[in-house]
PDB file of all heavy atoms in Angstrom:
ATOM      1  N   LEU A   1     240.708  50.575 -75.270  1.00  0.00           N
ATOM      2  CA  LEU A   1     239.645  51.400 -75.649  1.00  0.00           C
ATOM      3  C   LEU A   1     238.943  52.102 -74.460  1.00  0.00           C
ATOM      4  O   LEU A   1     239.275  51.672 -73.343  1.00  0.00           O
ATOM      5  CB  LEU A   1     238.437  50.391 -76.173  1.00  0.00           C
ATOM      6  CG  LEU A   1     238.665  49.901 -77.524  1.00  0.00           C
ATOM      7  CD1 LEU A   1     237.434  48.913 -77.852  1.00  0.00           C
ATOM      8  CD2 LEU A   1     238.597  50.944 -78.616  1.00  0.00           C
ATOM      9  N   PRO A   2     238.461  53.236 -74.622  1.00  0.00           N
ATOM     10  CA  PRO A   2     238.030  54.117 -73.387  1.00  0.00           C
ATOM     11  C   PRO A   2     236.653  53.617 -73.048  1.00  0.00           C
ATOM     12  O   PRO A   2     235.693  54.105 -73.223  1.00  0.00           O
ATOM     13  CB  PRO A   2     237.974  55.569 -74.134  1.00  0.00           C
ATOM     14  CG  PRO A   2     237.544  55.261 -75.560  1.00  0.00           C
ATOM     15  CD  PRO A   2     238.271  54.100 -75.886  1.00  0.00           C
ATOM     16  N   ILE A   3     236.646  52.551 -72.183  1.00  0.00           N
ATOM     17  CA  ILE A   3     235.507  51.890 -71.696  1.00  0.00           C
ATOM     18  C   ILE A   3     235.631  52.060 -70.207  1.00  0.00           C
ATOM     19  O   ILE A   3     236.615  51.550 -69.524  1.00  0.00           O
ATOM     20  CB  ILE A   3     235.549  50.406 -72.148  1.00  0.00           C
ATOM     21  CG1 ILE A   3     235.317  50.365 -73.619  1.00  0.00           C
ATOM     22  CG2 ILE A   3     234.152  49.704 -71.502  1.00  0.00           C
ATOM     23  CD1 ILE A   3     235.274  48.839 -74.062  1.00  0.00           C
ATOM     24  N   ASP A   4     234.494  52.413 -69.530  1.00  0.00           N
ATOM     25  CA  ASP A   4     234.471  52.511 -68.069  1.00  0.00           C
ATOM     26  C   ASP A   4     233.252  51.618 -67.648  1.00  0.00           C
ATOM     27  O   ASP A   4     232.146  51.898 -68.012  1.00  0.00           O
ATOM     28  CB  ASP A   4     234.170  53.966 -67.682  1.00  0.00           C
ATOM     29  CG  ASP A   4     234.333  54.143 -66.127  1.00  0.00           C
ATOM     30  OD1 ASP A   4     234.758  53.128 -65.519  1.00  0.00           O
ATOM     31  OD2 ASP A   4     233.880  55.159 -65.665  1.00  0.00           O
ATOM     32  N   ILE A   5     233.492  50.496 -66.969  1.00  0.00           N
ATOM     33  CA  ILE A   5     232.455  49.629 -66.461  1.00  0.00           C
ATOM     34  C   ILE A   5     232.163  50.042 -64.994  1.00  0.00           C
ATOM     35  O   ILE A   5     233.200  49.975 -64.124  1.00  0.00           O
ATOM     36  CB  ILE A   5     232.888  48.134 -66.468  1.00  0.00           C
ATOM     37  CG1 ILE A   5     233.197  47.848 -67.957  1.00  0.00           C
ATOM     38  CG2 ILE A   5     231.872  47.212 -65.965  1.00  0.00           C
ATOM     39  CD1 ILE A   5     231.924  47.820 -68.851  1.00  0.00           C
ATOM     40  N   LEU A   6     230.944  50.182 -64.644  1.00  0.00           N
ATOM     41  CA  LEU A   6     230.548  50.619 -63.332  1.00  0.00           C
ATOM     42  C   LEU A   6     229.847  49.534 -62.703  1.00  0.00           C
ATOM     43  O   LEU A   6     228.875  48.995 -63.367  1.00  0.00           O
ATOM     44  CB  LEU A   6     229.862  51.869 -63.327  1.00  0.00           C
ATOM     45  CG  LEU A   6     230.584  53.120 -63.927  1.00  0.00           C
ATOM     46  CD1 LEU A   6     229.578  54.304 -64.028  1.00  0.00           C
ATOM     47  CD2 LEU A   6     231.898  53.360 -63.259  1.00  0.00           C
ATOM     48  N   ASN A   7     229.951  49.220 -61.441  1.00  0.00           N
ATOM     49  CA  ASN A   7     229.292  48.282 -60.625  1.00  0.00           C
ATOM     50  C   ASN A   7     228.034  48.899 -60.140  1.00  0.00           C
ATOM     51  O   ASN A   7     227.823  49.171 -58.845  1.00  0.00           O
ATOM     52  CB  ASN A   7     230.109  47.477 -59.511  1.00  0.00           C
ATOM     53  CG  ASN A   7     229.409  46.513 -58.833  1.00  0.00           C
ATOM     54  OD1 ASN A   7     229.723  46.043 -57.755  1.00  0.00           O
ATOM     55  ND2 ASN A   7     228.293  45.933 -59.366  1.00  0.00           N
ATOM     56  N   THR A   8     227.013  49.006 -61.011  1.00  0.00           N
ATOM     57  CA  THR A   8     225.786  49.699 -60.589  1.00  0.00           C
ATOM     58  C   THR A   8     224.665  49.293 -61.518  1.00  0.00           C
ATOM     59  O   THR A   8     224.865  48.745 -62.534  1.00  0.00           O
ATOM     60  CB  THR A   8     225.916  51.237 -60.508  1.00  0.00           C
ATOM     61  OG1 THR A   8     224.761  51.861 -60.071  1.00  0.00           O
ATOM     62  CG2 THR A   8     226.146  51.792 -62.080  1.00  0.00           C
ATOM     63  N   GLY A   9     223.380  49.572 -61.045  1.00  0.00           N
ATOM     64  CA  GLY A   9     222.190  49.352 -61.791  1.00  0.00           C
ATOM     65  C   GLY A   9     222.085  50.517 -62.982  1.00  0.00           C
ATOM     66  O   GLY A   9     222.661  51.588 -62.790  1.00  0.00           O
ATOM     67  N   TYR A  10     221.159  50.234 -63.906  1.00  0.00           N
ATOM     68  CA  TYR A  10     221.148  51.213 -64.918  1.00  0.00           C
ATOM     69  C   TYR A  10     220.460  52.490 -64.525  1.00  0.00           C
ATOM     70  O   TYR A  10     220.791  53.643 -64.988  1.00  0.00           O
ATOM     71  CB  TYR A  10     220.202  50.782 -66.146  1.00  0.00           C
ATOM     72  CG  TYR A  10     218.792  50.768 -66.093  1.00  0.00           C
ATOM     73  CD1 TYR A  10     218.166  51.726 -66.646  1.00  0.00           C
ATOM     74  CD2 TYR A  10     218.039  49.851 -65.242  1.00  0.00           C
ATOM     75  CE1 TYR A  10     216.735  51.975 -66.578  1.00  0.00           C
ATOM     76  CE2 TYR A  10     216.609  49.990 -65.239  1.00  0.00           C
ATOM     77  CZ  TYR A  10     216.007  51.009 -65.946  1.00  0.00           C
ATOM     78  OH  TYR A  10     214.655  51.058 -65.789  1.00  0.00           O
ATOM     79  N   LEU A  11     219.465  52.491 -63.548  1.00  0.00           N
ATOM     80  CA  LEU A  11     218.944  53.777 -63.039  1.00  0.00           C
ATOM     81  C   LEU A  11     219.938  54.613 -62.379  1.00  0.00           C
ATOM     82  O   LEU A  11     220.028  55.785 -62.721  1.00  0.00           O
ATOM     83  CB  LEU A  11     217.783  53.350 -62.080  1.00  0.00           C
ATOM     84  CG  LEU A  11     216.533  52.950 -62.713  1.00  0.00           C
ATOM     85  CD1 LEU A  11     215.507  52.586 -61.744  1.00  0.00           C
ATOM     86  CD2 LEU A  11     215.908  53.800 -63.817  1.00  0.00           C
ATOM     87  N   SER A  12     220.739  54.147 -61.313  1.00  0.00           N
ATOM     88  CA  SER A  12     221.667  54.957 -60.778  1.00  0.00           C
ATOM     89  C   SER A  12     222.764  55.349 -61.754  1.00  0.00           C
ATOM     90  O   SER A  12     223.354  56.529 -61.605  1.00  0.00           O
ATOM     91  CB  SER A  12     222.221  54.241 -59.606  1.00  0.00           C
ATOM     92  OG  SER A  12     222.814  52.962 -59.959  1.00  0.00           O
ATOM     93  N   GLY A  13     223.214  54.332 -62.599  1.00  0.00           N
ATOM     94  CA  GLY A  13     224.259  54.780 -63.553  1.00  0.00           C
ATOM     95  C   GLY A  13     223.839  56.001 -64.379  1.00  0.00           C
ATOM     96  O   GLY A  13     224.697  56.820 -64.697  1.00  0.00           O
ATOM     97  N   LEU A  14     222.705  55.816 -65.026  1.00  0.00           N
ATOM     98  CA  LEU A  14     222.129  56.871 -65.905  1.00  0.00           C
ATOM     99  C   LEU A  14     222.047  58.236 -65.130  1.00  0.00           C
ATOM    100  O   LEU A  14     222.141  59.323 -65.720  1.00  0.00           O
ATOM    101  CB  LEU A  14     220.955  56.482 -66.572  1.00  0.00           C
ATOM    102  CG  LEU A  14     220.981  55.367 -67.765  1.00  0.00           C
ATOM    103  CD1 LEU A  14     219.622  55.048 -68.127  1.00  0.00           C
ATOM    104  CD2 LEU A  14     221.860  55.804 -68.724  1.00  0.00           C
ATOM    105  N   THR A  15     221.572  58.147 -63.981  1.00  0.00           N
ATOM    106  CA  THR A  15     221.328  59.346 -63.131  1.00  0.00           C
ATOM    107  C   THR A  15     222.750  60.114 -63.029  1.00  0.00           C
ATOM    108  O   THR A  15     222.534  61.466 -63.020  1.00  0.00           O
ATOM    109  CB  THR A  15     220.741  59.035 -61.696  1.00  0.00           C
ATOM    110  OG1 THR A  15     219.623  58.295 -61.959  1.00  0.00           O
ATOM    111  CG2 THR A  15     220.658  60.279 -60.917  1.00  0.00           C
ATOM    112  N   GLY A  16     223.771  59.406 -62.863  1.00  0.00           N
ATOM    113  CA  GLY A  16     225.181  60.150 -62.591  1.00  0.00           C
ATOM    114  C   GLY A  16     225.760  60.387 -64.035  1.00  0.00           C
ATOM    115  O   GLY A  16     226.946  60.818 -64.048  1.00  0.00           O
ATOM    116  N   LEU A  17     225.149  60.090 -65.172  1.00  0.00           N
ATOM    117  CA  LEU A  17     225.795  60.268 -66.494  1.00  0.00           C
ATOM    118  C   LEU A  17     225.540  61.742 -67.121  1.00  0.00           C
ATOM    119  O   LEU A  17     224.450  62.203 -67.019  1.00  0.00           O
ATOM    120  CB  LEU A  17     225.168  59.238 -67.406  1.00  0.00           C
ATOM    121  CG  LEU A  17     225.926  59.071 -68.714  1.00  0.00           C
ATOM    122  CD1 LEU A  17     227.242  58.487 -68.625  1.00  0.00           C
ATOM    123  CD2 LEU A  17     225.087  58.274 -69.692  1.00  0.00           C
ATOM    124  N   SER A  18     226.536  62.301 -67.528  1.00  0.00           N
ATOM    125  CA  SER A  18     226.558  63.614 -68.257  1.00  0.00           C
ATOM    126  C   SER A  18     226.948  63.442 -69.709  1.00  0.00           C
ATOM    127  O   SER A  18     227.804  62.608 -70.063  1.00  0.00           O
ATOM    128  CB  SER A  18     227.420  64.521 -67.648  1.00  0.00           C
ATOM    129  OG  SER A  18     227.145  64.916 -66.244  1.00  0.00           O
ATOM    130  N   VAL A  19     226.110  64.163 -70.513  1.00  0.00           N
ATOM    131  CA  VAL A  19     226.307  64.080 -71.952  1.00  0.00           C
ATOM    132  C   VAL A  19     226.752  65.581 -72.539  1.00  0.00           C
ATOM    133  O   VAL A  19     226.131  66.383 -72.185  1.00  0.00           O
ATOM    134  CB  VAL A  19     225.131  63.757 -72.743  1.00  0.00           C
ATOM    135  CG1 VAL A  19     225.543  63.567 -74.264  1.00  0.00           C
ATOM    136  CG2 VAL A  19     224.615  62.272 -72.281  1.00  0.00           C
ATOM    137  N   ALA A  20     227.854  65.564 -73.048  1.00  0.00           N
ATOM    138  CA  ALA A  20     228.461  66.911 -73.715  1.00  0.00           C
ATOM    139  C   ALA A  20     227.457  67.469 -74.802  1.00  0.00           C
ATOM    140  O   ALA A  20     226.767  66.609 -75.440  1.00  0.00           O
ATOM    141  CB  ALA A  20     229.760  66.860 -74.151  1.00  0.00           C
ATOM    142  N   PRO A  21     227.293  68.632 -74.984  1.00  0.00           N
ATOM    143  CA  PRO A  21     226.466  69.252 -76.074  1.00  0.00           C
ATOM    144  C   PRO A  21     226.694  68.663 -77.446  1.00  0.00           C
ATOM    145  O   PRO A  21     225.732  68.715 -78.203  1.00  0.00           O
ATOM    146  CB  PRO A  21     226.673  70.822 -75.921  1.00  0.00           C
ATOM    147  CG  PRO A  21     227.193  70.911 -74.693  1.00  0.00           C
ATOM    148  CD  PRO A  21     227.822  69.851 -74.270  1.00  0.00           C
ATOM    149  N   ASP A  22     227.858  68.341 -77.687  1.00  0.00           N
ATOM    150  CA  ASP A  22     228.289  67.875 -79.065  1.00  0.00           C
ATOM    151  C   ASP A  22     228.384  66.319 -79.113  1.00  0.00           C
ATOM    152  O   ASP A  22     229.026  65.853 -80.177  1.00  0.00           O
ATOM    153  CB  ASP A  22     229.617  68.543 -79.639  1.00  0.00           C
ATOM    154  CG  ASP A  22     230.719  68.084 -78.725  1.00  0.00           C
ATOM    155  OD1 ASP A  22     230.479  67.625 -77.597  1.00  0.00           O
ATOM    156  OD2 ASP A  22     231.794  68.533 -79.085  1.00  0.00           O
ATOM    157  N   GLU A  23     227.944  65.728 -78.155  1.00  0.00           N
ATOM    158  CA  GLU A  23     227.939  64.094 -78.084  1.00  0.00           C
ATOM    159  C   GLU A  23     226.519  63.596 -78.569  1.00  0.00           C
ATOM    160  O   GLU A  23     225.504  64.127 -78.242  1.00  0.00           O
ATOM    161  CB  GLU A  23     228.283  63.681 -76.800  1.00  0.00           C
ATOM    162  CG  GLU A  23     229.812  63.698 -76.446  1.00  0.00           C
ATOM    163  CD  GLU A  23     230.011  63.011 -75.129  1.00  0.00           C
ATOM    164  OE1 GLU A  23     229.291  63.195 -74.217  1.00  0.00           O
ATOM    165  OE2 GLU A  23     231.158  62.322 -75.051  1.00  0.00           O
ATOM    166  N   LEU A  24     226.590  62.429 -79.156  1.00  0.00           N
ATOM    167  CA  LEU A  24     225.440  61.675 -79.555  1.00  0.00           C
ATOM    168  C   LEU A  24     225.361  60.611 -78.438  1.00  0.00           C
ATOM    169  O   LEU A  24     226.339  59.775 -78.342  1.00  0.00           O
ATOM    170  CB  LEU A  24     225.503  61.139 -80.825  1.00  0.00           C
ATOM    171  CG  LEU A  24     224.378  60.058 -81.175  1.00  0.00           C
ATOM    172  CD1 LEU A  24     222.965  60.708 -81.316  1.00  0.00           C
ATOM    173  CD2 LEU A  24     224.637  59.370 -82.491  1.00  0.00           C
ATOM    174  N   LEU A  25     224.315  60.530 -77.719  1.00  0.00           N
ATOM    175  CA  LEU A  25     224.083  59.404 -76.693  1.00  0.00           C
ATOM    176  C   LEU A  25     223.637  58.106 -77.525  1.00  0.00           C
ATOM    177  O   LEU A  25     222.483  58.231 -78.053  1.00  0.00           O
ATOM    178  CB  LEU A  25     223.328  59.870 -75.566  1.00  0.00           C
ATOM    179  CG  LEU A  25     222.848  58.807 -74.615  1.00  0.00           C
ATOM    180  CD1 LEU A  25     224.243  58.195 -73.983  1.00  0.00           C
ATOM    181  CD2 LEU A  25     222.018  59.357 -73.533  1.00  0.00           C
ATOM    182  N   ILE A  26     224.303  57.072 -77.403  1.00  0.00           N
ATOM    183  CA  ILE A  26     223.817  55.734 -77.892  1.00  0.00           C
ATOM    184  C   ILE A  26     223.700  54.868 -76.828  1.00  0.00           C
ATOM    185  O   ILE A  26     224.694  54.461 -76.035  1.00  0.00           O
ATOM    186  CB  ILE A  26     224.858  55.226 -78.903  1.00  0.00           C
ATOM    187  CG1 ILE A  26     225.051  56.211 -80.108  1.00  0.00           C
ATOM    188  CG2 ILE A  26     224.423  53.764 -79.522  1.00  0.00           C
ATOM    189  CD1 ILE A  26     226.166  55.796 -81.018  1.00  0.00           C
ATOM    190  N   ALA A  27     222.449  54.356 -76.662  1.00  0.00           N
ATOM    191  CA  ALA A  27     222.188  53.465 -75.649  1.00  0.00           C
ATOM    192  C   ALA A  27     221.813  52.095 -76.098  1.00  0.00           C
ATOM    193  O   ALA A  27     220.907  51.890 -76.868  1.00  0.00           O
ATOM    194  CB  ALA A  27     220.865  53.911 -74.782  1.00  0.00           C
ATOM    195  N   PHE A  28     222.638  51.070 -75.567  1.00  0.00           N
ATOM    196  CA  PHE A  28     222.348  49.583 -76.096  1.00  0.00           C
ATOM    197  C   PHE A  28     221.430  48.993 -74.922  1.00  0.00           C
ATOM    198  O   PHE A  28     221.918  49.024 -73.714  1.00  0.00           O
ATOM    199  CB  PHE A  28     223.586  48.967 -76.326  1.00  0.00           C
ATOM    200  CG  PHE A  28     223.379  47.493 -76.710  1.00  0.00           C
ATOM    201  CD1 PHE A  28     222.926  47.175 -77.945  1.00  0.00           C
ATOM    202  CD2 PHE A  28     223.493  46.466 -75.823  1.00  0.00           C
ATOM    203  CE1 PHE A  28     222.693  45.799 -78.367  1.00  0.00           C
ATOM    204  CE2 PHE A  28     223.119  45.087 -76.218  1.00  0.00           C
ATOM    205  CZ  PHE A  28     222.834  44.797 -77.464  1.00  0.00           C
ATOM    206  N   ILE A  29     220.413  48.516 -75.327  1.00  0.00           N
ATOM    207  CA  ILE A  29     219.395  48.029 -74.327  1.00  0.00           C
ATOM    208  C   ILE A  29     219.040  46.525 -74.536  1.00  0.00           C
ATOM    209  O   ILE A  29     218.497  46.234 -75.482  1.00  0.00           O
ATOM    210  CB  ILE A  29     218.085  48.879 -74.449  1.00  0.00           C
ATOM    211  CG1 ILE A  29     218.335  50.305 -74.277  1.00  0.00           C
ATOM    212  CG2 ILE A  29     217.123  48.392 -73.256  1.00  0.00           C
ATOM    213  CD1 ILE A  29     217.228  51.262 -74.536  1.00  0.00           C
ATOM    214  N   ALA A  30     219.547  45.749 -73.580  1.00  0.00           N
ATOM    215  CA  ALA A  30     219.294  44.311 -73.639  1.00  0.00           C
ATOM    216  C   ALA A  30     219.096  43.770 -72.241  1.00  0.00           C
ATOM    217  O   ALA A  30     220.026  42.986 -71.707  1.00  0.00           O
ATOM    218  CB  ALA A  30     220.513  43.689 -74.218  1.00  0.00           C
ATOM    219  N   PRO A  31     217.901  44.069 -71.628  1.00  0.00           N
ATOM    220  CA  PRO A  31     217.774  43.578 -70.310  1.00  0.00           C
ATOM    221  C   PRO A  31     217.429  42.135 -70.273  1.00  0.00           C
ATOM    222  O   PRO A  31     217.047  41.484 -71.294  1.00  0.00           O
ATOM    223  CB  PRO A  31     216.578  44.296 -69.852  1.00  0.00           C
ATOM    224  CG  PRO A  31     215.705  44.612 -71.187  1.00  0.00           C
ATOM    225  CD  PRO A  31     216.891  44.953 -72.231  1.00  0.00           C
ATOM    226  N   PRO A  32     217.477  41.438 -69.148  1.00  0.00           N
ATOM    227  CA  PRO A  32     217.147  40.047 -69.154  1.00  0.00           C
ATOM    228  C   PRO A  32     215.613  39.836 -69.561  1.00  0.00           C
ATOM    229  O   PRO A  32     214.782  40.686 -69.130  1.00  0.00           O
ATOM    230  CB  PRO A  32     217.319  39.651 -67.588  1.00  0.00           C
ATOM    231  CG  PRO A  32     218.299  40.695 -67.102  1.00  0.00           C
ATOM    232  CD  PRO A  32     217.952  41.896 -67.879  1.00  0.00           C
ATOM    233  N   TRP A  33     215.333  38.818 -70.240  1.00  0.00           N
ATOM    234  CA  TRP A  33     214.032  38.509 -70.714  1.00  0.00           C
ATOM    235  C   TRP A  33     213.098  37.978 -69.773  1.00  0.00           C
ATOM    236  O   TRP A  33     211.864  38.295 -69.668  1.00  0.00           O
ATOM    237  CB  TRP A  33     214.036  37.652 -72.000  1.00  0.00           C
ATOM    238  CG  TRP A  33     214.703  38.365 -73.286  1.00  0.00           C
ATOM    239  CD1 TRP A  33     214.963  39.613 -73.346  1.00  0.00           C
ATOM    240  CD2 TRP A  33     215.073  37.605 -74.467  1.00  0.00           C
ATOM    241  NE1 TRP A  33     215.508  39.853 -74.657  1.00  0.00           N
ATOM    242  CE2 TRP A  33     215.565  38.580 -75.234  1.00  0.00           C
ATOM    243  CE3 TRP A  33     215.023  36.307 -74.866  1.00  0.00           C
ATOM    244  CZ2 TRP A  33     216.063  38.284 -76.532  1.00  0.00           C
ATOM    245  CZ3 TRP A  33     215.568  36.062 -76.114  1.00  0.00           C
ATOM    246  CH2 TRP A  33     215.994  37.081 -76.927  1.00  0.00           C
TER     247      TRP A  33
END
């Protein structure tokens, strides 16, 4: 599967993320409680 795991926090990870115009961004959010 095309999965890329990065050793970074969510803020820096999202800052460097780009979404194509025809893509739907799906965010799974499950932080520590």
